[in-house]
Amino acid sequence: VSQLGDIQLANQSLIEASNIGAIKLHGENILFQDGSILLIENRSNQPAIGIDVKATGRVEFVGSTPDKSLGSGAISDALNSGGGGDISISATKIVGRDNGGILRALTFADADSANIRLSAKDIVWREGEHFSAIAEIRTLGTGNGGIIELNTERLFMQDSAFVSTVNYSSGSAGNIIINATESVELAPNINA
């Protein structure tokens, strides 16, 4: 049996598998820092495979680019009729903090957007001075928004953390499903 090691992406690192590609990261603890992202931009007419992050310990999204324009995270956008690839993250604990944790799926065409699924005992999003989207699906074309699903024992969101599905065109917005077996805590900004 092989043992998994830690994975760290820092200093605006980019792992990209655009069009119909797939990104798979499996480790013990996985850390995204300083605006580091996983990216799929599907410009094809075939569906993208998606982003799969699995950790036996923690997955953390920490910090943003120096100009605060992009937080660490995972992005799967559909720019043509192929559709976005799903974003799936599973760990014991998933954390977004210090402007990190941008999990985004957009569709700009007639394709449906990706789904976003998080599974962990604890999901924690906090300290987003500029932005802190735990998960966001936007429909800008005629395609439909996907599903945001959070499966957890405890969900904690603080400051500017949010979960949203938005429709800006004729497609339907997606659904948000939160399965929390113990608690959901939405805390105010502690710096206010």
N, C-alpha and C. Protein backbone atom coordinates (compact mmCIF):
# COMPACT_ATOMS: atom_id res chain seq x y z
N VAL A 1 0.85 -1.17 0.00
CA VAL A 1 0.00 0.00 0.00
C VAL A 1 0.90 1.24 0.00
N SER A 2 0.72 2.12 -0.99
CA SER A 2 1.53 3.33 -1.05
C SER A 2 0.91 4.42 -0.17
N GLN A 3 1.78 5.25 0.40
CA GLN A 3 1.34 6.33 1.26
C GLN A 3 1.34 7.62 0.47
N LEU A 4 0.29 8.43 0.63
CA LEU A 4 0.19 9.69 -0.07
C LEU A 4 0.99 10.76 0.65
N GLY A 5 1.60 11.67 -0.10
CA GLY A 5 2.33 12.78 0.48
C GLY A 5 1.52 14.07 0.38
N ASP A 6 2.11 15.15 0.89
CA ASP A 6 1.47 16.47 0.83
C ASP A 6 1.72 17.10 -0.54
N ILE A 7 0.79 17.94 -0.96
CA ILE A 7 0.90 18.69 -2.21
C ILE A 7 0.72 20.15 -1.87
N GLN A 8 1.62 21.01 -2.39
CA GLN A 8 1.53 22.44 -2.14
C GLN A 8 1.70 23.20 -3.45
N LEU A 9 0.76 24.09 -3.75
CA LEU A 9 0.85 24.99 -4.88
C LEU A 9 0.94 26.40 -4.32
N ALA A 10 1.98 27.14 -4.70
CA ALA A 10 2.19 28.47 -4.15
C ALA A 10 2.61 29.45 -5.24
N ASN A 11 2.61 30.75 -4.89
CA ASN A 11 3.08 31.82 -5.77
C ASN A 11 2.37 31.82 -7.12
N GLN A 12 1.04 31.84 -7.09
CA GLN A 12 0.21 31.91 -8.28
C GLN A 12 0.44 30.74 -9.23
N SER A 13 0.67 29.56 -8.69
CA SER A 13 0.83 28.36 -9.52
C SER A 13 -0.47 28.07 -10.26
N LEU A 14 -0.33 27.50 -11.44
CA LEU A 14 -1.49 27.18 -12.27
C LEU A 14 -1.36 25.75 -12.78
N ILE A 15 -2.40 24.96 -12.57
CA ILE A 15 -2.52 23.66 -13.23
C ILE A 15 -3.74 23.77 -14.13
N GLU A 16 -3.51 23.65 -15.44
CA GLU A 16 -4.57 23.87 -16.41
C GLU A 16 -4.73 22.65 -17.31
N ALA A 17 -5.98 22.27 -17.54
CA ALA A 17 -6.31 21.17 -18.45
C ALA A 17 -7.52 21.59 -19.26
N SER A 18 -7.36 22.66 -20.02
CA SER A 18 -8.51 23.24 -20.71
C SER A 18 -9.02 22.35 -21.83
N ASN A 19 -10.21 22.69 -22.27
CA ASN A 19 -11.04 21.93 -23.20
C ASN A 19 -11.56 20.69 -22.51
N ILE A 20 -11.34 19.50 -23.00
CA ILE A 20 -12.00 18.33 -22.42
C ILE A 20 -11.12 17.61 -21.39
N GLY A 21 -10.23 18.35 -20.78
CA GLY A 21 -9.25 17.76 -19.88
C GLY A 21 -9.77 17.43 -18.49
N ALA A 22 -8.86 16.84 -17.71
CA ALA A 22 -9.15 16.47 -16.33
C ALA A 22 -7.96 16.84 -15.46
N ILE A 23 -8.24 17.24 -14.24
CA ILE A 23 -7.21 17.50 -13.24
C ILE A 23 -7.54 16.63 -12.04
N LYS A 24 -6.57 15.82 -11.61
CA LYS A 24 -6.75 14.98 -10.43
C LYS A 24 -5.57 15.18 -9.50
N LEU A 25 -5.86 15.59 -8.27
CA LEU A 25 -4.85 15.72 -7.22
C LEU A 25 -5.28 14.85 -6.06
N HIS A 26 -4.43 13.90 -5.68
CA HIS A 26 -4.73 13.03 -4.54
C HIS A 26 -3.52 13.08 -3.62
N GLY A 27 -3.73 13.45 -2.36
CA GLY A 27 -2.63 13.56 -1.42
C GLY A 27 -3.12 13.44 0.00
N GLU A 28 -2.16 13.61 0.95
CA GLU A 28 -2.54 13.61 2.36
C GLU A 28 -3.13 14.96 2.73
N ASN A 29 -2.34 16.02 2.59
CA ASN A 29 -2.81 17.40 2.77
C ASN A 29 -2.49 18.16 1.49
N ILE A 30 -3.44 18.97 1.02
CA ILE A 30 -3.26 19.71 -0.22
C ILE A 30 -3.48 21.19 0.08
N LEU A 31 -2.47 22.01 -0.24
CA LEU A 31 -2.49 23.44 0.08
C LEU A 31 -2.36 24.26 -1.20
N PHE A 32 -3.30 25.19 -1.40
CA PHE A 32 -3.25 26.16 -2.49
C PHE A 32 -3.00 27.52 -1.85
N GLN A 33 -1.94 28.24 -2.28
CA GLN A 33 -1.59 29.52 -1.68
C GLN A 33 -1.40 30.60 -2.73
N ASP A 34 -1.54 31.85 -2.32
CA ASP A 34 -1.12 33.02 -3.10
C ASP A 34 -1.78 33.12 -4.46
N GLY A 35 -3.05 32.75 -4.57
CA GLY A 35 -3.72 32.84 -5.86
C GLY A 35 -3.45 31.66 -6.78
N SER A 36 -3.00 30.54 -6.24
CA SER A 36 -2.78 29.33 -7.06
C SER A 36 -4.12 28.69 -7.39
N ILE A 37 -4.28 28.25 -8.64
CA ILE A 37 -5.57 27.72 -9.06
C ILE A 37 -5.44 26.48 -9.93
N LEU A 38 -6.54 25.73 -9.94
CA LEU A 38 -6.77 24.67 -10.91
C LEU A 38 -7.76 25.23 -11.91
N LEU A 39 -7.52 25.05 -13.22
CA LEU A 39 -8.34 25.72 -14.22
C LEU A 39 -8.68 24.80 -15.38
N ILE A 40 -9.97 24.75 -15.70
CA ILE A 40 -10.44 24.15 -16.95
C ILE A 40 -11.34 25.18 -17.62
N GLU A 41 -10.97 25.59 -18.84
CA GLU A 41 -11.81 26.44 -19.68
C GLU A 41 -12.14 25.62 -20.91
N ASN A 42 -13.36 25.14 -20.98
CA ASN A 42 -13.75 24.26 -22.08
C ASN A 42 -14.27 25.09 -23.26
N ARG A 43 -13.46 25.16 -24.33
CA ARG A 43 -13.84 25.87 -25.54
C ARG A 43 -14.33 24.92 -26.63
N SER A 44 -14.43 23.65 -26.30
CA SER A 44 -14.81 22.64 -27.30
C SER A 44 -16.30 22.34 -27.26
N ASN A 45 -16.73 21.46 -28.16
CA ASN A 45 -18.12 21.04 -28.14
C ASN A 45 -18.28 19.68 -27.48
N GLN A 46 -17.24 19.21 -26.80
CA GLN A 46 -17.28 17.97 -26.02
C GLN A 46 -17.25 18.32 -24.53
N PRO A 47 -17.89 17.53 -23.68
CA PRO A 47 -17.89 17.86 -22.25
C PRO A 47 -16.50 17.69 -21.62
N ALA A 48 -16.15 18.59 -20.72
CA ALA A 48 -14.90 18.47 -19.97
C ALA A 48 -15.05 17.38 -18.92
N ILE A 49 -13.93 16.77 -18.54
CA ILE A 49 -13.96 15.70 -17.54
C ILE A 49 -14.07 16.29 -16.13
N GLY A 50 -13.27 17.30 -15.82
CA GLY A 50 -13.45 17.99 -14.55
C GLY A 50 -12.24 17.97 -13.64
N ILE A 51 -12.46 18.47 -12.43
CA ILE A 51 -11.43 18.64 -11.41
C ILE A 51 -11.79 17.76 -10.22
N ASP A 52 -10.84 16.92 -9.80
CA ASP A 52 -11.06 15.99 -8.69
C ASP A 52 -9.91 16.14 -7.70
N VAL A 53 -10.21 16.64 -6.50
CA VAL A 53 -9.21 16.83 -5.45
C VAL A 53 -9.61 15.97 -4.26
N LYS A 54 -8.72 15.06 -3.87
CA LYS A 54 -8.99 14.19 -2.72
C LYS A 54 -7.80 14.22 -1.77
N ALA A 55 -8.10 14.41 -0.49
CA ALA A 55 -7.05 14.40 0.53
C ALA A 55 -7.50 13.55 1.71
N THR A 56 -6.58 12.79 2.27
CA THR A 56 -6.91 12.03 3.48
C THR A 56 -6.93 12.95 4.70
N GLY A 57 -6.27 14.11 4.60
CA GLY A 57 -6.26 15.10 5.66
C GLY A 57 -7.04 16.34 5.26
N ARG A 58 -6.32 17.45 5.02
CA ARG A 58 -6.94 18.74 4.76
C ARG A 58 -6.73 19.19 3.32
N VAL A 59 -7.68 19.96 2.82
CA VAL A 59 -7.51 20.76 1.60
C VAL A 59 -7.71 22.21 2.04
N GLU A 60 -6.70 23.05 1.77
CA GLU A 60 -6.77 24.45 2.18
C GLU A 60 -6.54 25.37 1.00
N PHE A 61 -7.37 26.41 0.90
CA PHE A 61 -7.23 27.47 -0.09
C PHE A 61 -6.92 28.74 0.69
N VAL A 62 -5.70 29.25 0.54
CA VAL A 62 -5.24 30.36 1.38
C VAL A 62 -4.69 31.48 0.50
N GLY A 63 -5.17 32.68 0.72
CA GLY A 63 -4.58 33.85 0.09
C GLY A 63 -4.98 34.04 -1.36
N SER A 64 -4.49 35.17 -1.91
CA SER A 64 -4.82 35.58 -3.27
C SER A 64 -3.57 36.14 -3.95
N THR A 65 -3.75 36.56 -5.20
CA THR A 65 -2.67 37.23 -5.92
C THR A 65 -2.34 38.53 -5.19
N PRO A 66 -1.13 39.08 -5.39
CA PRO A 66 -0.76 40.32 -4.68
C PRO A 66 -1.74 41.47 -4.90
N ASP A 67 -2.34 41.55 -6.10
CA ASP A 67 -3.29 42.64 -6.36
C ASP A 67 -4.71 42.31 -5.91
N LYS A 68 -4.88 41.16 -5.25
CA LYS A 68 -6.17 40.70 -4.71
C LYS A 68 -7.22 40.43 -5.80
N SER A 69 -6.79 40.22 -7.05
CA SER A 69 -7.75 40.01 -8.14
C SER A 69 -8.23 38.56 -8.24
N LEU A 70 -7.50 37.62 -7.69
CA LEU A 70 -7.89 36.22 -7.79
C LEU A 70 -7.44 35.46 -6.56
N GLY A 71 -8.39 34.80 -5.91
CA GLY A 71 -8.06 33.98 -4.75
C GLY A 71 -7.70 32.57 -5.17
N SER A 72 -6.98 31.88 -4.32
CA SER A 72 -6.64 30.47 -4.57
C SER A 72 -7.93 29.67 -4.71
N GLY A 73 -7.94 28.70 -5.65
CA GLY A 73 -9.16 27.93 -5.81
C GLY A 73 -9.17 27.03 -7.03
N ALA A 74 -10.38 26.74 -7.50
CA ALA A 74 -10.60 25.87 -8.65
C ALA A 74 -11.69 26.48 -9.51
N ILE A 75 -11.45 26.51 -10.83
CA ILE A 75 -12.36 27.14 -11.78
C ILE A 75 -12.62 26.19 -12.93
N SER A 76 -13.89 26.03 -13.28
CA SER A 76 -14.27 25.22 -14.44
C SER A 76 -15.33 25.98 -15.22
N ASP A 77 -14.93 26.56 -16.36
CA ASP A 77 -15.82 27.39 -17.16
C ASP A 77 -16.15 26.73 -18.49
N ALA A 78 -17.38 26.88 -18.95
CA ALA A 78 -17.83 26.38 -20.25
C ALA A 78 -17.97 27.57 -21.19
N LEU A 79 -17.12 27.62 -22.22
CA LEU A 79 -17.12 28.74 -23.15
C LEU A 79 -17.74 28.38 -24.49
N ASN A 80 -18.13 27.12 -24.66
CA ASN A 80 -18.74 26.65 -25.90
C ASN A 80 -19.83 25.65 -25.53
N SER A 81 -20.23 24.83 -26.46
CA SER A 81 -21.36 23.92 -26.23
C SER A 81 -20.99 22.65 -25.48
N GLY A 82 -19.71 22.47 -25.13
CA GLY A 82 -19.27 21.23 -24.49
C GLY A 82 -19.65 21.09 -23.03
N GLY A 83 -19.83 22.15 -22.34
CA GLY A 83 -20.18 22.08 -20.92
C GLY A 83 -18.96 22.05 -20.02
N GLY A 84 -19.15 22.47 -18.80
CA GLY A 84 -18.06 22.50 -17.83
C GLY A 84 -17.87 21.17 -17.15
N GLY A 85 -16.64 20.89 -16.73
CA GLY A 85 -16.35 19.69 -15.96
C GLY A 85 -16.60 19.94 -14.49
N ASP A 86 -17.14 18.97 -13.80
CA ASP A 86 -17.48 19.12 -12.39
C ASP A 86 -16.24 19.37 -11.53
N ILE A 87 -16.44 20.09 -10.44
CA ILE A 87 -15.41 20.30 -9.42
C ILE A 87 -15.81 19.47 -8.21
N SER A 88 -14.97 18.52 -7.83
CA SER A 88 -15.24 17.65 -6.69
C SER A 88 -14.05 17.71 -5.74
N ILE A 89 -14.32 18.06 -4.47
CA ILE A 89 -13.26 18.15 -3.47
C ILE A 89 -13.70 17.37 -2.24
N SER A 90 -12.88 16.41 -1.82
CA SER A 90 -13.19 15.63 -0.62
C SER A 90 -11.96 15.53 0.26
N ALA A 91 -12.18 15.66 1.56
CA ALA A 91 -11.10 15.64 2.55
C ALA A 91 -11.73 15.48 3.92
N THR A 92 -10.88 15.36 4.95
CA THR A 92 -11.39 15.40 6.32
C THR A 92 -11.84 16.81 6.67
N LYS A 93 -11.06 17.82 6.20
CA LYS A 93 -11.38 19.22 6.46
C LYS A 93 -11.06 20.03 5.21
N ILE A 94 -11.99 20.91 4.81
CA ILE A 94 -11.79 21.82 3.69
C ILE A 94 -11.87 23.24 4.24
N VAL A 95 -10.83 24.04 3.96
CA VAL A 95 -10.73 25.38 4.52
C VAL A 95 -10.44 26.40 3.42
N GLY A 96 -11.14 27.54 3.46
CA GLY A 96 -10.82 28.69 2.63
C GLY A 96 -10.64 29.87 3.55
N ARG A 97 -9.52 30.60 3.42
CA ARG A 97 -9.29 31.74 4.31
C ARG A 97 -8.36 32.76 3.67
N ASP A 98 -8.35 33.94 4.23
CA ASP A 98 -7.48 35.03 3.77
C ASP A 98 -7.65 35.28 2.27
N ASN A 99 -8.91 35.40 1.83
CA ASN A 99 -9.27 35.65 0.44
C ASN A 99 -9.06 34.45 -0.47
N GLY A 100 -8.81 33.28 0.07
CA GLY A 100 -8.71 32.07 -0.74
C GLY A 100 -10.01 31.31 -0.72
N GLY A 101 -10.16 30.39 -1.66
CA GLY A 101 -11.34 29.54 -1.69
C GLY A 101 -12.34 29.89 -2.75
N ILE A 102 -11.88 30.32 -3.91
CA ILE A 102 -12.77 30.64 -5.00
C ILE A 102 -13.05 29.37 -5.79
N LEU A 103 -14.22 28.82 -5.65
CA LEU A 103 -14.65 27.64 -6.39
C LEU A 103 -15.75 28.11 -7.34
N ARG A 104 -15.45 28.12 -8.65
CA ARG A 104 -16.34 28.79 -9.59
C ARG A 104 -16.60 27.95 -10.83
N ALA A 105 -17.85 27.96 -11.27
CA ALA A 105 -18.25 27.33 -12.53
C ALA A 105 -19.13 28.31 -13.29
N LEU A 106 -18.68 28.73 -14.46
CA LEU A 106 -19.44 29.65 -15.29
C LEU A 106 -19.79 28.97 -16.60
N THR A 107 -20.92 29.35 -17.18
CA THR A 107 -21.22 28.95 -18.55
C THR A 107 -21.57 30.20 -19.34
N PHE A 108 -20.91 30.35 -20.50
CA PHE A 108 -21.10 31.53 -21.34
C PHE A 108 -21.90 31.20 -22.60
N ALA A 109 -22.25 29.94 -22.82
CA ALA A 109 -22.86 29.52 -24.07
C ALA A 109 -24.14 28.75 -23.80
N ASP A 110 -24.49 27.85 -24.74
CA ASP A 110 -25.70 27.06 -24.55
C ASP A 110 -25.43 25.80 -23.74
N ALA A 111 -24.22 25.62 -23.31
CA ALA A 111 -23.86 24.45 -22.50
C ALA A 111 -24.24 24.66 -21.04
N ASP A 112 -24.49 23.56 -20.34
CA ASP A 112 -24.74 23.63 -18.91
C ASP A 112 -23.43 23.80 -18.16
N SER A 113 -23.50 24.45 -17.02
CA SER A 113 -22.29 24.65 -16.22
C SER A 113 -21.94 23.37 -15.46
N ALA A 114 -20.78 23.40 -14.86
CA ALA A 114 -20.33 22.28 -14.02
C ALA A 114 -21.10 22.27 -12.71
N ASN A 115 -20.99 21.15 -12.00
CA ASN A 115 -21.47 21.03 -10.63
C ASN A 115 -20.28 21.21 -9.70
N ILE A 116 -20.54 21.66 -8.48
CA ILE A 116 -19.50 21.80 -7.47
C ILE A 116 -19.92 20.98 -6.25
N ARG A 117 -19.08 20.02 -5.86
CA ARG A 117 -19.39 19.17 -4.71
C ARG A 117 -18.22 19.17 -3.73
N LEU A 118 -18.54 19.48 -2.47
CA LEU A 118 -17.55 19.42 -1.39
C LEU A 118 -18.02 18.39 -0.38
N SER A 119 -17.10 17.53 0.05
CA SER A 119 -17.41 16.52 1.06
C SER A 119 -16.30 16.50 2.10
N ALA A 120 -16.64 16.78 3.35
CA ALA A 120 -15.66 16.79 4.44
C ALA A 120 -16.39 16.79 5.77
N LYS A 121 -15.71 16.33 6.83
CA LYS A 121 -16.30 16.44 8.17
C LYS A 121 -16.53 17.90 8.53
N ASP A 122 -15.55 18.75 8.18
CA ASP A 122 -15.64 20.18 8.46
C ASP A 122 -15.36 20.97 7.20
N ILE A 123 -16.25 21.93 6.90
CA ILE A 123 -16.03 22.89 5.83
C ILE A 123 -16.04 24.26 6.48
N VAL A 124 -14.91 24.99 6.34
CA VAL A 124 -14.71 26.27 7.03
C VAL A 124 -14.29 27.33 6.02
N TRP A 125 -15.06 28.42 5.92
CA TRP A 125 -14.68 29.55 5.05
C TRP A 125 -14.72 30.81 5.90
N ARG A 126 -13.58 31.55 5.94
CA ARG A 126 -13.52 32.73 6.81
C ARG A 126 -12.50 33.73 6.29
N GLU A 127 -12.57 34.92 6.90
CA GLU A 127 -11.58 35.98 6.71
C GLU A 127 -11.40 36.37 5.26
N GLY A 128 -12.50 36.69 4.58
CA GLY A 128 -12.41 37.15 3.21
C GLY A 128 -12.53 38.65 3.13
N GLU A 129 -11.41 39.37 3.28
CA GLU A 129 -11.44 40.83 3.28
C GLU A 129 -11.93 41.38 1.95
N HIS A 130 -11.49 40.78 0.84
CA HIS A 130 -11.87 41.27 -0.49
C HIS A 130 -12.95 40.40 -1.12
N PHE A 131 -12.85 39.11 -0.98
CA PHE A 131 -13.84 38.18 -1.50
C PHE A 131 -13.61 36.83 -0.86
N SER A 132 -14.62 36.01 -0.81
CA SER A 132 -14.45 34.67 -0.28
C SER A 132 -15.64 33.82 -0.69
N ALA A 133 -15.68 33.44 -1.96
CA ALA A 133 -16.79 32.63 -2.46
C ALA A 133 -16.49 31.18 -2.17
N ILE A 134 -17.28 30.59 -1.31
CA ILE A 134 -17.09 29.17 -1.06
C ILE A 134 -17.44 28.39 -2.32
N ALA A 135 -18.49 28.77 -3.01
CA ALA A 135 -18.86 28.11 -4.26
C ALA A 135 -19.80 29.03 -5.03
N GLU A 136 -19.56 29.15 -6.33
CA GLU A 136 -20.37 30.06 -7.13
C GLU A 136 -20.58 29.47 -8.52
N ILE A 137 -21.84 29.47 -8.97
CA ILE A 137 -22.17 29.08 -10.34
C ILE A 137 -22.89 30.25 -10.97
N ARG A 138 -22.40 30.68 -12.16
CA ARG A 138 -23.04 31.77 -12.89
C ARG A 138 -23.40 31.29 -14.29
N THR A 139 -24.63 31.59 -14.72
CA THR A 139 -25.09 31.25 -16.06
C THR A 139 -25.21 32.54 -16.85
N LEU A 140 -24.35 32.70 -17.88
CA LEU A 140 -24.34 33.91 -18.68
C LEU A 140 -24.85 33.67 -20.09
N GLY A 141 -25.17 32.42 -20.43
CA GLY A 141 -25.70 32.07 -21.74
C GLY A 141 -27.03 31.37 -21.57
N THR A 142 -27.38 30.56 -22.56
CA THR A 142 -28.66 29.85 -22.49
C THR A 142 -28.56 28.53 -21.74
N GLY A 143 -27.36 28.13 -21.36
CA GLY A 143 -27.18 26.90 -20.60
C GLY A 143 -27.71 27.03 -19.18
N ASN A 144 -27.87 25.90 -18.52
CA ASN A 144 -28.38 25.88 -17.15
C ASN A 144 -27.25 25.79 -16.14
N GLY A 145 -27.49 26.35 -14.98
CA GLY A 145 -26.53 26.26 -13.89
C GLY A 145 -26.53 24.88 -13.27
N GLY A 146 -25.42 24.49 -12.71
CA GLY A 146 -25.30 23.18 -12.08
C GLY A 146 -25.72 23.19 -10.63
N ILE A 147 -25.36 22.14 -9.93
CA ILE A 147 -25.71 21.96 -8.53
C ILE A 147 -24.49 22.24 -7.66
N ILE A 148 -24.67 22.99 -6.59
CA ILE A 148 -23.66 23.13 -5.55
C ILE A 148 -24.11 22.25 -4.40
N GLU A 149 -23.27 21.30 -4.03
CA GLU A 149 -23.62 20.36 -2.96
C GLU A 149 -22.52 20.34 -1.91
N LEU A 150 -22.90 20.63 -0.68
CA LEU A 150 -21.97 20.62 0.45
C LEU A 150 -22.39 19.50 1.39
N ASN A 151 -21.57 18.48 1.50
CA ASN A 151 -21.83 17.34 2.38
C ASN A 151 -20.83 17.38 3.53
N THR A 152 -21.33 17.59 4.74
CA THR A 152 -20.44 17.82 5.86
C THR A 152 -21.13 17.48 7.18
N GLU A 153 -20.33 17.35 8.22
CA GLU A 153 -20.89 17.33 9.57
C GLU A 153 -21.11 18.76 10.05
N ARG A 154 -20.08 19.62 9.84
CA ARG A 154 -20.15 20.99 10.32
C ARG A 154 -19.74 21.96 9.22
N LEU A 155 -20.60 22.95 8.95
CA LEU A 155 -20.32 24.02 7.99
C LEU A 155 -20.20 25.32 8.74
N PHE A 156 -19.09 26.03 8.55
CA PHE A 156 -18.85 27.32 9.20
C PHE A 156 -18.47 28.33 8.13
N MET A 157 -19.24 29.42 8.03
CA MET A 157 -18.96 30.48 7.07
C MET A 157 -18.94 31.81 7.81
N GLN A 158 -17.91 32.62 7.53
CA GLN A 158 -17.75 33.88 8.25
C GLN A 158 -17.36 34.99 7.29
N ASP A 159 -17.57 36.21 7.69
CA ASP A 159 -17.21 37.41 6.94
C ASP A 159 -17.95 37.42 5.61
N SER A 160 -17.26 37.49 4.49
CA SER A 160 -17.91 37.64 3.19
C SER A 160 -18.09 36.31 2.46
N ALA A 161 -17.99 35.21 3.14
CA ALA A 161 -18.16 33.90 2.49
C ALA A 161 -19.59 33.74 1.99
N PHE A 162 -19.73 33.16 0.80
CA PHE A 162 -21.07 32.95 0.27
C PHE A 162 -21.12 31.76 -0.68
N VAL A 163 -22.33 31.27 -0.86
CA VAL A 163 -22.64 30.20 -1.81
C VAL A 163 -23.72 30.76 -2.71
N SER A 164 -23.54 30.69 -4.05
CA SER A 164 -24.58 31.27 -4.90
C SER A 164 -24.65 30.59 -6.26
N THR A 165 -25.86 30.58 -6.80
CA THR A 165 -26.10 30.24 -8.20
C THR A 165 -26.91 31.40 -8.77
N VAL A 166 -26.45 31.94 -9.90
CA VAL A 166 -27.06 33.13 -10.48
C VAL A 166 -27.27 32.91 -11.97
N ASN A 167 -28.42 33.34 -12.47
CA ASN A 167 -28.73 33.27 -13.88
C ASN A 167 -28.83 34.68 -14.44
N TYR A 168 -27.98 34.99 -15.43
CA TYR A 168 -28.00 36.30 -16.06
C TYR A 168 -28.64 36.26 -17.45
N SER A 169 -29.13 35.10 -17.88
CA SER A 169 -29.68 34.96 -19.22
C SER A 169 -30.92 34.07 -19.18
N SER A 170 -31.15 33.29 -20.23
CA SER A 170 -32.39 32.51 -20.31
C SER A 170 -32.28 31.12 -19.70
N GLY A 171 -31.08 30.68 -19.35
CA GLY A 171 -30.94 29.39 -18.68
C GLY A 171 -31.43 29.46 -17.25
N SER A 172 -31.60 28.32 -16.63
CA SER A 172 -32.03 28.32 -15.23
C SER A 172 -30.82 28.31 -14.31
N ALA A 173 -30.96 28.96 -13.17
CA ALA A 173 -29.90 28.93 -12.17
C ALA A 173 -29.85 27.53 -11.57
N GLY A 174 -28.75 27.19 -10.97
CA GLY A 174 -28.63 25.86 -10.37
C GLY A 174 -29.25 25.78 -8.99
N ASN A 175 -29.11 24.62 -8.36
CA ASN A 175 -29.63 24.39 -7.02
C ASN A 175 -28.48 24.34 -6.02
N ILE A 176 -28.77 24.68 -4.78
CA ILE A 176 -27.81 24.58 -3.68
C ILE A 176 -28.35 23.56 -2.69
N ILE A 177 -27.55 22.55 -2.39
CA ILE A 177 -27.92 21.51 -1.45
C ILE A 177 -26.88 21.47 -0.34
N ILE A 178 -27.31 21.67 0.90
CA ILE A 178 -26.41 21.60 2.04
C ILE A 178 -26.87 20.45 2.93
N ASN A 179 -26.04 19.43 3.03
CA ASN A 179 -26.30 18.29 3.91
C ASN A 179 -25.33 18.37 5.08
N ALA A 180 -25.76 18.97 6.17
CA ALA A 180 -24.93 19.13 7.37
C ALA A 180 -25.56 18.31 8.49
N THR A 181 -24.87 17.29 8.96
CA THR A 181 -25.46 16.39 9.96
C THR A 181 -25.40 16.93 11.38
N GLU A 182 -24.50 17.90 11.66
CA GLU A 182 -24.39 18.44 13.02
C GLU A 182 -24.75 19.92 13.11
N SER A 183 -24.10 20.77 12.29
CA SER A 183 -24.35 22.20 12.46
C SER A 183 -24.01 23.00 11.20
N VAL A 184 -24.72 24.14 11.07
CA VAL A 184 -24.41 25.17 10.08
C VAL A 184 -24.31 26.46 10.85
N GLU A 185 -23.15 27.12 10.77
CA GLU A 185 -22.95 28.38 11.49
C GLU A 185 -22.55 29.46 10.50
N LEU A 186 -23.33 30.54 10.46
CA LEU A 186 -23.05 31.70 9.63
C LEU A 186 -22.70 32.83 10.58
N ALA A 187 -21.43 33.21 10.62
CA ALA A 187 -20.97 34.18 11.60
C ALA A 187 -20.73 35.54 10.95
N PRO A 188 -20.97 36.62 11.68
CA PRO A 188 -20.73 37.97 11.14
C PRO A 188 -19.25 38.26 11.05
N ASN A 189 -18.95 39.37 10.40
CA ASN A 189 -17.58 39.83 10.27
C ASN A 189 -17.07 40.21 11.67
N ILE A 190 -15.99 39.56 12.10
CA ILE A 190 -15.47 39.82 13.44
C ILE A 190 -14.72 41.15 13.52
N ASN A 191 -14.39 41.75 12.34
CA ASN A 191 -13.67 43.02 12.33
C ASN A 191 -14.61 44.20 12.23
N ALA A 192 -15.93 43.96 12.17
CA ALA A 192 -16.88 45.07 11.99
C ALA A 192 -17.04 45.86 13.28
